């Protein structure tokens, strides 16, 4: 089993809300864990669910626990953080995953729960791993129509750190095609509701490794819909995703001009290049510049009161 001692994991919660690239690595291939940590992804997500066959889950679980136990507690330094996708908590292997993590005493920075269809799913996981008291490290994977239907209630769970959309399982459950047009509605609903709850939303992977243009289009759609990141299934997809979620020089310059004008106007409505700029546009500009790491995402009292 290979897992670098410097691979970031934590017994504390990690600031993963601003991380745009998530790389999935099968838990059945522990030799790849260290490579995933050095891939440049923001989150290295070790998968115990779909990528591990039933007869390999026990061995994969042991490898993940060993990796978590060896990992240093380095979180929030800008390096890749360690995440684990367990099996669905309503399954035998899902319960085994949770018990193993709880008994080990170590915690991944991100614990992704698949097939979430109720707030109870998140609450149960949080209680088992001892993360129900203000600690946000549990992420919900929404991948069924019922999960979308019950999303408002799921988002009220205190331990929830964020939400991922699972396109492949959703398409199978909804009997629809696995393409942009068919999935536009659930992706839009999820991103809007998650944003309303003040949490980050991460988009589903793009599964065709040969189609970089298709990945780029889908990543750009995710940005337009309000997602803060996207999952990669191979390291070669990471640069495309990073580029899509990085503001362009033109977008950044325009946002910086809006922020500067707003600061000079002390919260009053102003103009930039002949366009009226009010609180909603200023708030959006501040969010973009903060995402690019250029200025704090502070707001004036007038902006904060704006709807």
C-alpha atoms as a PDB file:
ATOM      1  CA  UNK A   1       0.000   0.000   0.000  1.00  0.00           C
ATOM      2  CA  UNK A   2       1.453   3.347  -1.010  1.00  0.00           C
ATOM      3  CA  UNK A   3       0.224   6.570   0.482  1.00  0.00           C
ATOM      4  CA  UNK A   4       2.543   9.499   0.981  1.00  0.00           C
ATOM      5  CA  UNK A   5       2.805  10.641   4.617  1.00  0.00           C
ATOM      6  CA  UNK A   6       2.413  14.192   3.310  1.00  0.00           C
ATOM      7  CA  UNK A   7      -0.886  13.465   1.573  1.00  0.00           C
ATOM      8  CA  UNK A   8      -3.251  15.986   3.194  1.00  0.00           C
ATOM      9  CA  UNK A   9      -5.979  14.514   5.331  1.00  0.00           C
ATOM     10  CA  UNK A  10      -7.410  15.846   8.554  1.00  0.00           C
ATOM     11  CA  UNK A  11      -9.270  15.358  11.769  1.00  0.00           C
ATOM     12  CA  UNK A  12     -10.446  18.935  11.221  1.00  0.00           C
ATOM     13  CA  UNK A  13     -12.840  20.238   8.613  1.00  0.00           C
ATOM     14  CA  UNK A  14     -11.228  21.661   5.482  1.00  0.00           C
ATOM     15  CA  UNK A  15     -12.051  24.797   3.508  1.00  0.00           C
ATOM     16  CA  UNK A  16     -13.083  22.962   0.337  1.00  0.00           C
ATOM     17  CA  UNK A  17     -15.747  25.418  -0.846  1.00  0.00           C
ATOM     18  CA  UNK A  18     -13.366  27.263  -3.167  1.00  0.00           C
ATOM     19  CA  UNK A  19     -11.835  24.179  -4.764  1.00  0.00           C
ATOM     20  CA  UNK A  20     -12.810  23.695  -8.404  1.00  0.00           C
ATOM     21  CA  UNK A  21     -11.096  20.443  -9.416  1.00  0.00           C
ATOM     22  CA  UNK A  22     -11.910  17.059  -7.920  1.00  0.00           C
ATOM     23  CA  UNK A  23     -10.070  13.946  -9.145  1.00  0.00           C
ATOM     24  CA  UNK A  24     -11.612  10.510  -8.561  1.00  0.00           C
ATOM     25  CA  UNK A  25      -9.238   7.604  -7.928  1.00  0.00           C
ATOM     26  CA  UNK A  26     -10.403   3.987  -7.367  1.00  0.00           C
ATOM     27  CA  UNK A  27      -9.770   2.769  -3.827  1.00  0.00           C
ATOM     28  CA  UNK A  28      -8.829  -0.603  -5.332  1.00  0.00           C
ATOM     29  CA  UNK A  29      -5.613   0.919  -6.747  1.00  0.00           C
ATOM     30  CA  UNK A  30      -3.703   2.210  -3.687  1.00  0.00           C
ATOM     31  CA  UNK A  31      -0.595   2.610  -5.804  1.00  0.00           C
ATOM     32  CA  UNK A  32      -2.294   5.601  -7.429  1.00  0.00           C
ATOM     33  CA  UNK A  33      -3.126   7.447  -4.203  1.00  0.00           C
ATOM     34  CA  UNK A  34       0.168   9.321  -4.097  1.00  0.00           C
ATOM     35  CA  UNK A  35      -0.089  10.235  -7.781  1.00  0.00           C
ATOM     36  CA  UNK A  36      -3.590  11.615  -7.167  1.00  0.00           C
ATOM     37  CA  UNK A  37      -2.224  13.753  -4.328  1.00  0.00           C
ATOM     38  CA  UNK A  38       0.383  15.187  -6.668  1.00  0.00           C
ATOM     39  CA  UNK A  39      -1.933  15.668  -9.636  1.00  0.00           C
ATOM     40  CA  UNK A  40      -2.690  19.319  -8.948  1.00  0.00           C
ATOM     41  CA  UNK A  41      -6.348  18.626  -8.225  1.00  0.00           C
ATOM     42  CA  UNK A  42      -7.871  20.560  -5.352  1.00  0.00           C
ATOM     43  CA  UNK A  43      -9.484  17.402  -3.932  1.00  0.00           C
ATOM     44  CA  UNK A  44      -8.203  13.841  -4.403  1.00  0.00           C
ATOM     45  CA  UNK A  45     -11.338  11.741  -3.983  1.00  0.00           C
ATOM     46  CA  UNK A  46     -10.687   8.063  -3.294  1.00  0.00           C
ATOM     47  CA  UNK A  47     -13.698   6.052  -4.411  1.00  0.00           C
ATOM     48  CA  UNK A  48     -14.953   3.022  -2.486  1.00  0.00           C
ATOM     49  CA  UNK A  49     -18.221   2.826  -4.426  1.00  0.00           C
ATOM     50  CA  UNK A  50     -18.697   2.473  -8.191  1.00  0.00           C
ATOM     51  CA  UNK A  51     -15.073   1.896  -9.184  1.00  0.00           C
ATOM     52  CA  UNK A  52     -14.568  -1.012  -6.747  1.00  0.00           C
ATOM     53  CA  UNK A  53     -16.123  -4.447  -7.506  1.00  0.00           C
ATOM     54  CA  UNK A  54     -17.985  -6.164  -4.644  1.00  0.00           C
ATOM     55  CA  UNK A  55     -15.275  -8.762  -4.065  1.00  0.00           C
ATOM     56  CA  UNK A  56     -12.641  -6.030  -3.710  1.00  0.00           C
ATOM     57  CA  UNK A  57     -14.389  -3.688  -1.310  1.00  0.00           C
ATOM     58  CA  UNK A  58     -12.976  -5.125   1.923  1.00  0.00           C
ATOM     59  CA  UNK A  59      -9.385  -4.830   0.694  1.00  0.00           C
ATOM     60  CA  UNK A  60     -10.042  -1.361  -0.719  1.00  0.00           C
ATOM     61  CA  UNK A  61     -11.507  -0.225   2.593  1.00  0.00           C
ATOM     62  CA  UNK A  62      -8.390  -1.372   4.447  1.00  0.00           C
ATOM     63  CA  UNK A  63      -6.193   0.500   1.971  1.00  0.00           C
ATOM     64  CA  UNK A  64      -8.170   3.709   2.467  1.00  0.00           C
ATOM     65  CA  UNK A  65      -8.029   3.478   6.270  1.00  0.00           C
ATOM     66  CA  UNK A  66      -4.273   2.843   6.080  1.00  0.00           C
ATOM     67  CA  UNK A  67      -3.888   5.888   3.836  1.00  0.00           C
ATOM     68  CA  UNK A  68      -5.941   8.085   6.162  1.00  0.00           C
ATOM     69  CA  UNK A  69      -3.891   6.883   9.128  1.00  0.00           C
ATOM     70  CA  UNK A  70      -0.599   7.720   7.399  1.00  0.00           C
ATOM     71  CA  UNK A  71      -1.677  11.109   6.076  1.00  0.00           C
ATOM     72  CA  UNK A  72      -0.425  14.257   7.713  1.00  0.00           C
ATOM     73  CA  UNK A  73      -2.967  16.760   8.991  1.00  0.00           C
ATOM     74  CA  UNK A  74      -2.282  19.484   6.425  1.00  0.00           C
ATOM     75  CA  UNK A  75      -5.437  21.280   5.341  1.00  0.00           C
ATOM     76  CA  UNK A  76      -6.103  24.753   4.047  1.00  0.00           C
ATOM     77  CA  UNK A  77      -2.576  25.371   2.764  1.00  0.00           C
ATOM     78  CA  UNK A  78      -3.660  25.351  -0.873  1.00  0.00           C
ATOM     79  CA  UNK A  79      -2.491  21.783  -1.463  1.00  0.00           C
ATOM     80  CA  UNK A  80      -4.615  18.843  -2.500  1.00  0.00           C
ATOM     81  CA  UNK A  81      -6.886  17.596   0.278  1.00  0.00           C
ATOM     82  CA  UNK A  82      -8.002  14.007   0.735  1.00  0.00           C
ATOM     83  CA  UNK A  83     -11.588  12.916   0.226  1.00  0.00           C
ATOM     84  CA  UNK A  84     -13.331   9.543   0.321  1.00  0.00           C
ATOM     85  CA  UNK A  85     -16.530   8.458  -1.388  1.00  0.00           C
ATOM     86  CA  UNK A  86     -18.062   5.707   0.688  1.00  0.00           C
ATOM     87  CA  UNK A  87     -20.670   3.232  -0.462  1.00  0.00           C
ATOM     88  CA  UNK A  88     -24.305   4.216   0.007  1.00  0.00           C
ATOM     89  CA  UNK A  89     -25.066   4.202   3.759  1.00  0.00           C
ATOM     90  CA  UNK A  90     -28.129   2.012   3.205  1.00  0.00           C
ATOM     91  CA  UNK A  91     -25.931  -0.861   1.995  1.00  0.00           C
ATOM     92  CA  UNK A  92     -23.832  -3.381   3.919  1.00  0.00           C
ATOM     93  CA  UNK A  93     -20.594  -2.056   2.467  1.00  0.00           C
ATOM     94  CA  UNK A  94     -21.648   1.517   3.194  1.00  0.00           C
ATOM     95  CA  UNK A  95     -22.177   0.670   6.859  1.00  0.00           C
ATOM     96  CA  UNK A  96     -18.833  -1.153   6.927  1.00  0.00           C
ATOM     97  CA  UNK A  97     -17.156   1.933   5.470  1.00  0.00           C
ATOM     98  CA  UNK A  98     -18.632   4.181   8.147  1.00  0.00           C
ATOM     99  CA  UNK A  99     -17.789   1.821  11.006  1.00  0.00           C
ATOM    100  CA  UNK A 100     -14.221   1.440   9.756  1.00  0.00           C
ATOM    101  CA  UNK A 101     -13.747   5.221   9.533  1.00  0.00           C
ATOM    102  CA  UNK A 102     -15.350   5.801  12.937  1.00  0.00           C
ATOM    103  CA  UNK A 103     -13.262   3.100  14.641  1.00  0.00           C
ATOM    104  CA  UNK A 104     -10.038   4.246  12.990  1.00  0.00           C
ATOM    105  CA  UNK A 105     -10.263   7.670  14.625  1.00  0.00           C
ATOM    106  CA  UNK A 106      -9.105   9.402  11.427  1.00  0.00           C
ATOM    107  CA  UNK A 107     -11.247  11.570   9.202  1.00  0.00           C
ATOM    108  CA  UNK A 108     -10.968  12.586   5.546  1.00  0.00           C
ATOM    109  CA  UNK A 109     -11.316  16.284   4.823  1.00  0.00           C
ATOM    110  CA  UNK A 110     -14.194  15.352   2.507  1.00  0.00           C
ATOM    111  CA  UNK A 111     -16.585  12.457   3.063  1.00  0.00           C
ATOM    112  CA  UNK A 112     -18.837  12.048   0.030  1.00  0.00           C
ATOM    113  CA  UNK A 113     -22.106  10.165   0.577  1.00  0.00           C
ATOM    114  CA  UNK A 114     -23.663   8.700  -2.596  1.00  0.00           C
ATOM    115  CA  UNK A 115     -27.337   8.150  -3.415  1.00  0.00           C
ATOM    116  CA  UNK A 116     -28.509  10.774  -0.900  1.00  0.00           C
ATOM    117  CA  UNK A 117     -32.302  11.050  -1.015  1.00  0.00           C
ATOM    118  CA  UNK A 118     -33.132  12.411   2.427  1.00  0.00           C
ATOM    119  CA  UNK A 119     -31.725  14.589   5.177  1.00  0.00           C
ATOM    120  CA  UNK A 120     -31.591  11.471   7.323  1.00  0.00           C
ATOM    121  CA  UNK A 121     -28.840  10.026   5.107  1.00  0.00           C
ATOM    122  CA  UNK A 122     -26.542  12.956   5.889  1.00  0.00           C
ATOM    123  CA  UNK A 123     -27.501  13.116   9.570  1.00  0.00           C
ATOM    124  CA  UNK A 124     -26.808   9.406  10.072  1.00  0.00           C
ATOM    125  CA  UNK A 125     -23.371   9.615   8.476  1.00  0.00           C
ATOM    126  CA  UNK A 126     -22.472  12.714  10.503  1.00  0.00           C
ATOM    127  CA  UNK A 127     -23.473  11.053  13.766  1.00  0.00           C
ATOM    128  CA  UNK A 128     -21.541   7.851  13.074  1.00  0.00           C
ATOM    129  CA  UNK A 129     -18.297   9.668  12.311  1.00  0.00           C
ATOM    130  CA  UNK A 130     -18.855  12.253  15.049  1.00  0.00           C
ATOM    131  CA  UNK A 131     -19.259  15.273  12.777  1.00  0.00           C
ATOM    132  CA  UNK A 132     -22.717  16.434  13.802  1.00  0.00           C
ATOM    133  CA  UNK A 133     -21.685  19.328  16.064  1.00  0.00           C
ATOM    134  CA  UNK A 134     -20.855  22.182  13.713  1.00  0.00           C
ATOM    135  CA  UNK A 135     -18.218  20.261  11.760  1.00  0.00           C
ATOM    136  CA  UNK A 136     -18.791  20.385   8.011  1.00  0.00           C
ATOM    137  CA  UNK A 137     -17.001  17.624   6.135  1.00  0.00           C
ATOM    138  CA  UNK A 138     -19.937  15.564   4.794  1.00  0.00           C
ATOM    139  CA  UNK A 139     -20.855  16.119   1.127  1.00  0.00           C
ATOM    140  CA  UNK A 140     -24.032  14.791  -0.482  1.00  0.00           C
ATOM    141  CA  UNK A 141     -23.984  13.205  -3.922  1.00  0.00           C
ATOM    142  CA  UNK A 142     -27.388  13.899  -5.496  1.00  0.00           C
ATOM    143  CA  UNK A 143     -27.950  11.477  -8.356  1.00  0.00           C
ATOM    144  CA  UNK A 144     -31.648  10.581  -8.478  1.00  0.00           C
ATOM    145  CA  UNK A 145     -34.891  12.447  -9.263  1.00  0.00           C
ATOM    146  CA  UNK A 146     -36.003  11.808  -5.670  1.00  0.00           C
ATOM    147  CA  UNK A 147     -32.812  13.415  -4.403  1.00  0.00           C
ATOM    148  CA  UNK A 148     -33.568  16.512  -6.491  1.00  0.00           C
ATOM    149  CA  UNK A 149     -37.166  16.537  -5.253  1.00  0.00           C
ATOM    150  CA  UNK A 150     -36.052  16.421  -1.602  1.00  0.00           C
ATOM    151  CA  UNK A 151     -33.051  18.702  -2.010  1.00  0.00           C
ATOM    152  CA  UNK A 152     -34.465  21.576   0.071  1.00  0.00           C
ATOM    153  CA  UNK A 153     -34.745  19.347   3.134  1.00  0.00           C
ATOM    154  CA  UNK A 154     -31.333  17.743   2.549  1.00  0.00           C
ATOM    155  CA  UNK A 155     -29.698  21.179   2.457  1.00  0.00           C
ATOM    156  CA  UNK A 156     -30.941  21.969   5.968  1.00  0.00           C
ATOM    157  CA  UNK A 157     -28.705  19.364   7.620  1.00  0.00           C
ATOM    158  CA  UNK A 158     -26.117  21.161   9.806  1.00  0.00           C
ATOM    159  CA  UNK A 159     -23.181  18.881   8.957  1.00  0.00           C
ATOM    160  CA  UNK A 160     -23.512  19.312   5.188  1.00  0.00           C
ATOM    161  CA  UNK A 161     -20.469  20.959   3.564  1.00  0.00           C
ATOM    162  CA  UNK A 162     -21.600  20.887  -0.062  1.00  0.00           C
ATOM    163  CA  UNK A 163     -23.289  18.951  -2.842  1.00  0.00           C
ATOM    164  CA  UNK A 164     -22.162  17.083  -5.956  1.00  0.00           C
ATOM    165  CA  UNK A 165     -24.364  16.201  -8.922  1.00  0.00           C
ATOM    166  CA  UNK A 166     -24.153  12.649 -10.273  1.00  0.00           C
ATOM    167  CA  UNK A 167     -25.164  12.726 -13.936  1.00  0.00           C
ATOM    168  CA  UNK A 168     -24.763   9.065 -14.888  1.00  0.00           C
ATOM    169  CA  UNK A 169     -26.912   7.634 -12.101  1.00  0.00           C
ATOM    170  CA  UNK A 170     -29.462  10.423 -12.517  1.00  0.00           C
ATOM    171  CA  UNK A 171     -29.839   9.692 -16.230  1.00  0.00           C
ATOM    172  CA  UNK A 172     -30.286   5.982 -15.501  1.00  0.00           C
ATOM    173  CA  UNK A 173     -32.898   6.641 -12.804  1.00  0.00           C
ATOM    174  CA  UNK A 174     -34.782   9.222 -14.882  1.00  0.00           C
ATOM    175  CA  UNK A 175     -34.602   7.152 -18.100  1.00  0.00           C
ATOM    176  CA  UNK A 176     -33.135  10.132 -19.923  1.00  0.00           C
ATOM    177  CA  UNK A 177     -30.064  10.594 -22.059  1.00  0.00           C
ATOM    178  CA  UNK A 178     -26.696  11.403 -20.583  1.00  0.00           C
ATOM    179  CA  UNK A 179     -26.209  14.725 -22.337  1.00  0.00           C
ATOM    180  CA  UNK A 180     -26.369  18.439 -21.638  1.00  0.00           C
ATOM    181  CA  UNK A 181     -29.895  19.077 -22.911  1.00  0.00           C
ATOM    182  CA  UNK A 182     -31.446  16.168 -20.999  1.00  0.00           C
ATOM    183  CA  UNK A 183     -29.746  17.111 -17.723  1.00  0.00           C
ATOM    184  CA  UNK A 184     -30.067  20.887 -17.909  1.00  0.00           C
ATOM    185  CA  UNK A 185     -33.082  20.990 -15.577  1.00  0.00           C
ATOM    186  CA  UNK A 186     -31.692  18.955 -12.636  1.00  0.00           C
ATOM    187  CA  UNK A 187     -28.306  20.658 -12.924  1.00  0.00           C
ATOM    188  CA  UNK A 188     -29.999  24.073 -12.831  1.00  0.00           C
ATOM    189  CA  UNK A 189     -32.272  23.185  -9.916  1.00  0.00           C
ATOM    190  CA  UNK A 190     -29.393  21.776  -7.905  1.00  0.00           C
ATOM    191  CA  UNK A 191     -27.048  24.717  -8.437  1.00  0.00           C
ATOM    192  CA  UNK A 192     -29.765  27.263  -7.606  1.00  0.00           C
ATOM    193  CA  UNK A 193     -30.979  25.539  -4.437  1.00  0.00           C
ATOM    194  CA  UNK A 194     -27.473  24.862  -3.177  1.00  0.00           C
ATOM    195  CA  UNK A 195     -26.502  28.501  -3.772  1.00  0.00           C
ATOM    196  CA  UNK A 196     -29.598  29.626  -1.868  1.00  0.00           C
ATOM    197  CA  UNK A 197     -28.421  27.517   1.058  1.00  0.00           C
ATOM    198  CA  UNK A 198     -25.004  29.181   0.930  1.00  0.00           C
ATOM    199  CA  UNK A 199     -23.176  25.978   0.029  1.00  0.00           C
ATOM    200  CA  UNK A 200     -20.917  25.015  -2.898  1.00  0.00           C
ATOM    201  CA  UNK A 201     -22.108  22.811  -5.771  1.00  0.00           C
ATOM    202  CA  UNK A 202     -19.725  20.611  -7.782  1.00  0.00           C
ATOM    203  CA  UNK A 203     -20.687  19.290 -11.221  1.00  0.00           C
ATOM    204  CA  UNK A 204     -20.633  15.682 -12.398  1.00  0.00           C
ATOM    205  CA  UNK A 205     -17.694  14.190 -14.320  1.00  0.00           C
ATOM    206  CA  UNK A 206     -17.481  14.147 -18.109  1.00  0.00           C
ATOM    207  CA  UNK A 207     -16.838  10.531 -19.006  1.00  0.00           C
ATOM    208  CA  UNK A 208     -15.416  10.662 -22.548  1.00  0.00           C
ATOM    209  CA  UNK A 209     -11.662  10.918 -21.998  1.00  0.00           C
ATOM    210  CA  UNK A 210     -11.020  11.482 -25.707  1.00  0.00           C
ATOM    211  CA  UNK A 211     -13.335  14.479 -26.055  1.00  0.00           C
ATOM    212  CA  UNK A 212     -11.552  17.510 -24.610  1.00  0.00           C
ATOM    213  CA  UNK A 213     -13.854  19.883 -26.490  1.00  0.00           C
ATOM    214  CA  UNK A 214     -16.930  18.232 -25.002  1.00  0.00           C
ATOM    215  CA  UNK A 215     -15.409  18.478 -21.530  1.00  0.00           C
ATOM    216  CA  UNK A 216     -14.652  22.153 -22.088  1.00  0.00           C
ATOM    217  CA  UNK A 217     -18.215  22.902 -23.210  1.00  0.00           C
ATOM    218  CA  UNK A 218     -19.717  21.067 -20.248  1.00  0.00           C
ATOM    219  CA  UNK A 219     -17.330  22.739 -17.776  1.00  0.00           C
ATOM    220  CA  UNK A 220     -18.201  26.162 -19.199  1.00  0.00           C
ATOM    221  CA  UNK A 221     -21.901  25.294 -18.848  1.00  0.00           C
ATOM    222  CA  UNK A 222     -21.265  24.401 -15.215  1.00  0.00           C
ATOM    223  CA  UNK A 223     -19.687  27.812 -14.638  1.00  0.00           C
ATOM    224  CA  UNK A 224     -22.664  29.505 -16.297  1.00  0.00           C
ATOM    225  CA  UNK A 225     -25.075  27.536 -14.085  1.00  0.00           C
ATOM    226  CA  UNK A 226     -23.260  28.582 -10.909  1.00  0.00           C
ATOM    227  CA  UNK A 227     -21.271  25.445 -10.072  1.00  0.00           C
ATOM    228  CA  UNK A 228     -18.008  26.105  -8.264  1.00  0.00           C
ATOM    229  CA  UNK A 229     -16.177  23.064  -9.583  1.00  0.00           C
ATOM    230  CA  UNK A 230     -16.273  19.842 -11.556  1.00  0.00           C
ATOM    231  CA  UNK A 231     -15.132  16.265 -11.021  1.00  0.00           C
ATOM    232  CA  UNK A 232     -12.434  14.729 -13.244  1.00  0.00           C
ATOM    233  CA  UNK A 233     -12.103  11.002 -13.886  1.00  0.00           C
ATOM    234  CA  UNK A 234      -8.550  11.297 -15.249  1.00  0.00           C
ATOM    235  CA  UNK A 235      -5.678  13.712 -14.548  1.00  0.00           C
ATOM    236  CA  UNK A 236      -5.608  14.813 -18.198  1.00  0.00           C
ATOM    237  CA  UNK A 237      -9.017  16.461 -17.659  1.00  0.00           C
ATOM    238  CA  UNK A 238      -7.767  18.719 -14.865  1.00  0.00           C
ATOM    239  CA  UNK A 239      -6.215  21.505 -16.988  1.00  0.00           C
ATOM    240  CA  UNK A 240      -9.417  21.865 -19.036  1.00  0.00           C
ATOM    241  CA  UNK A 241     -11.542  22.142 -15.889  1.00  0.00           C
ATOM    242  CA  UNK A 242      -9.114  24.560 -14.245  1.00  0.00           C
ATOM    243  CA  UNK A 243      -9.165  26.809 -17.292  1.00  0.00           C
ATOM    244  CA  UNK A 244     -12.973  26.800 -17.485  1.00  0.00           C
ATOM    245  CA  UNK A 245     -13.386  27.828 -13.849  1.00  0.00           C
ATOM    246  CA  UNK A 246     -10.633  30.458 -13.955  1.00  0.00           C
ATOM    247  CA  UNK A 247     -11.914  33.957 -14.850  1.00  0.00           C
ATOM    248  CA  UNK A 248     -10.541  35.269 -18.126  1.00  0.00           C
ATOM    249  CA  UNK A 249      -8.320  38.337 -18.114  1.00  0.00           C
ATOM    250  CA  UNK A 250     -11.155  40.362 -19.653  1.00  0.00           C
ATOM    251  CA  UNK A 251     -13.686  39.166 -17.047  1.00  0.00           C
ATOM    252  CA  UNK A 252     -11.268  39.896 -14.226  1.00  0.00           C
ATOM    253  CA  UNK A 253     -10.439  43.386 -15.504  1.00  0.00           C
ATOM    254  CA  UNK A 254     -14.129  44.247 -15.852  1.00  0.00           C
ATOM    255  CA  UNK A 255     -14.872  42.965 -12.342  1.00  0.00           C
ATOM    256  CA  UNK A 256     -11.965  44.887 -10.862  1.00  0.00           C
ATOM    257  CA  UNK A 257     -13.234  48.078 -12.510  1.00  0.00           C
ATOM    258  CA  UNK A 258     -16.671  47.527 -10.981  1.00  0.00           C
ATOM    259  CA  UNK A 259     -15.201  46.892  -7.524  1.00  0.00           C
ATOM    260  CA  UNK A 260     -12.997  49.983  -7.748  1.00  0.00           C
ATOM    261  CA  UNK A 261     -15.931  52.158  -8.829  1.00  0.00           C
ATOM    262  CA  UNK A 262     -18.121  50.812  -6.047  1.00  0.00           C
ATOM    263  CA  UNK A 263     -15.452  51.442  -3.419  1.00  0.00           C
ATOM    264  CA  UNK A 264     -15.006  54.999  -4.688  1.00  0.00           C
ATOM    265  CA  UNK A 265     -18.796  55.536  -4.561  1.00  0.00           C
ATOM    266  CA  UNK A 266     -18.966  54.243  -0.952  1.00  0.00           C
ATOM    267  CA  UNK A 267     -21.844  51.878  -1.664  1.00  0.00           C
ATOM    268  CA  UNK A 268     -23.876  54.222  -3.827  1.00  0.00           C
ATOM    269  CA  UNK A 269     -25.013  53.351  -7.345  1.00  0.00           C
ATOM    270  CA  UNK A 270     -22.373  54.356  -9.887  1.00  0.00           C
ATOM    271  CA  UNK A 271     -21.401  53.780 -13.523  1.00  0.00           C
ATOM    272  CA  UNK A 272     -18.602  51.913 -15.297  1.00  0.00           C
ATOM    273  CA  UNK A 273     -18.020  52.431 -19.024  1.00  0.00           C
ATOM    274  CA  UNK A 274     -21.475  53.959 -19.383  1.00  0.00           C
ATOM    275  CA  UNK A 275     -23.260  51.109 -17.597  1.00  0.00           C
ATOM    276  CA  UNK A 276     -25.136  51.644 -14.355  1.00  0.00           C
ATOM    277  CA  UNK A 277     -23.691  49.479 -11.579  1.00  0.00           C
ATOM    278  CA  UNK A 278     -25.834  48.677  -8.561  1.00  0.00           C
ATOM    279  CA  UNK A 279     -25.380  46.364  -5.557  1.00  0.00           C
ATOM    280  CA  UNK A 280     -26.165  43.038  -7.348  1.00  0.00           C
ATOM    281  CA  UNK A 281     -23.510  43.664 -10.025  1.00  0.00           C
ATOM    282  CA  UNK A 282     -21.010  44.811  -7.418  1.00  0.00           C
ATOM    283  CA  UNK A 283     -21.599  41.684  -5.337  1.00  0.00           C
ATOM    284  CA  UNK A 284     -21.048  39.502  -8.415  1.00  0.00           C
ATOM    285  CA  UNK A 285     -17.848  41.388  -9.253  1.00  0.00           C
ATOM    286  CA  UNK A 286     -16.535  40.983  -5.729  1.00  0.00           C
ATOM    287  CA  UNK A 287     -17.261  37.245  -5.844  1.00  0.00           C
ATOM    288  CA  UNK A 288     -15.378  36.885  -9.133  1.00  0.00           C
ATOM    289  CA  UNK A 289     -12.321  38.823  -7.955  1.00  0.00           C
ATOM    290  CA  UNK A 290     -12.293  36.899  -4.679  1.00  0.00           C
ATOM    291  CA  UNK A 291     -12.424  33.620  -6.617  1.00  0.00           C
ATOM    292  CA  UNK A 292      -9.436  34.815  -8.628  1.00  0.00           C
ATOM    293  CA  UNK A 293      -7.636  35.695  -5.396  1.00  0.00           C
ATOM    294  CA  UNK A 294      -7.216  39.377  -6.157  1.00  0.00           C
ATOM    295  CA  UNK A 295      -9.383  41.164  -3.587  1.00  0.00           C
ATOM    296  CA  UNK A 296     -11.402  40.202  -0.484  1.00  0.00           C
ATOM    297  CA  UNK A 297     -15.053  39.315  -1.013  1.00  0.00           C
ATOM    298  CA  UNK A 298     -16.192  42.011   1.419  1.00  0.00           C
ATOM    299  CA  UNK A 299     -19.410  43.880   0.753  1.00  0.00           C
ATOM    300  CA  UNK A 300     -20.828  47.197   1.816  1.00  0.00           C
ATOM    301  CA  UNK A 301     -23.915  47.353   3.998  1.00  0.00           C
ATOM    302  CA  UNK A 302     -25.896  48.554   0.983  1.00  0.00           C
ATOM    303  CA  UNK A 303     -24.780  45.512  -1.065  1.00  0.00           C
ATOM    304  CA  UNK A 304     -25.540  43.144   1.774  1.00  0.00           C
ATOM    305  CA  UNK A 305     -29.091  44.436   2.009  1.00  0.00           C
ATOM    306  CA  UNK A 306     -29.641  44.097  -1.744  1.00  0.00           C
ATOM    307  CA  UNK A 307     -31.672  41.176  -3.024  1.00  0.00           C
END
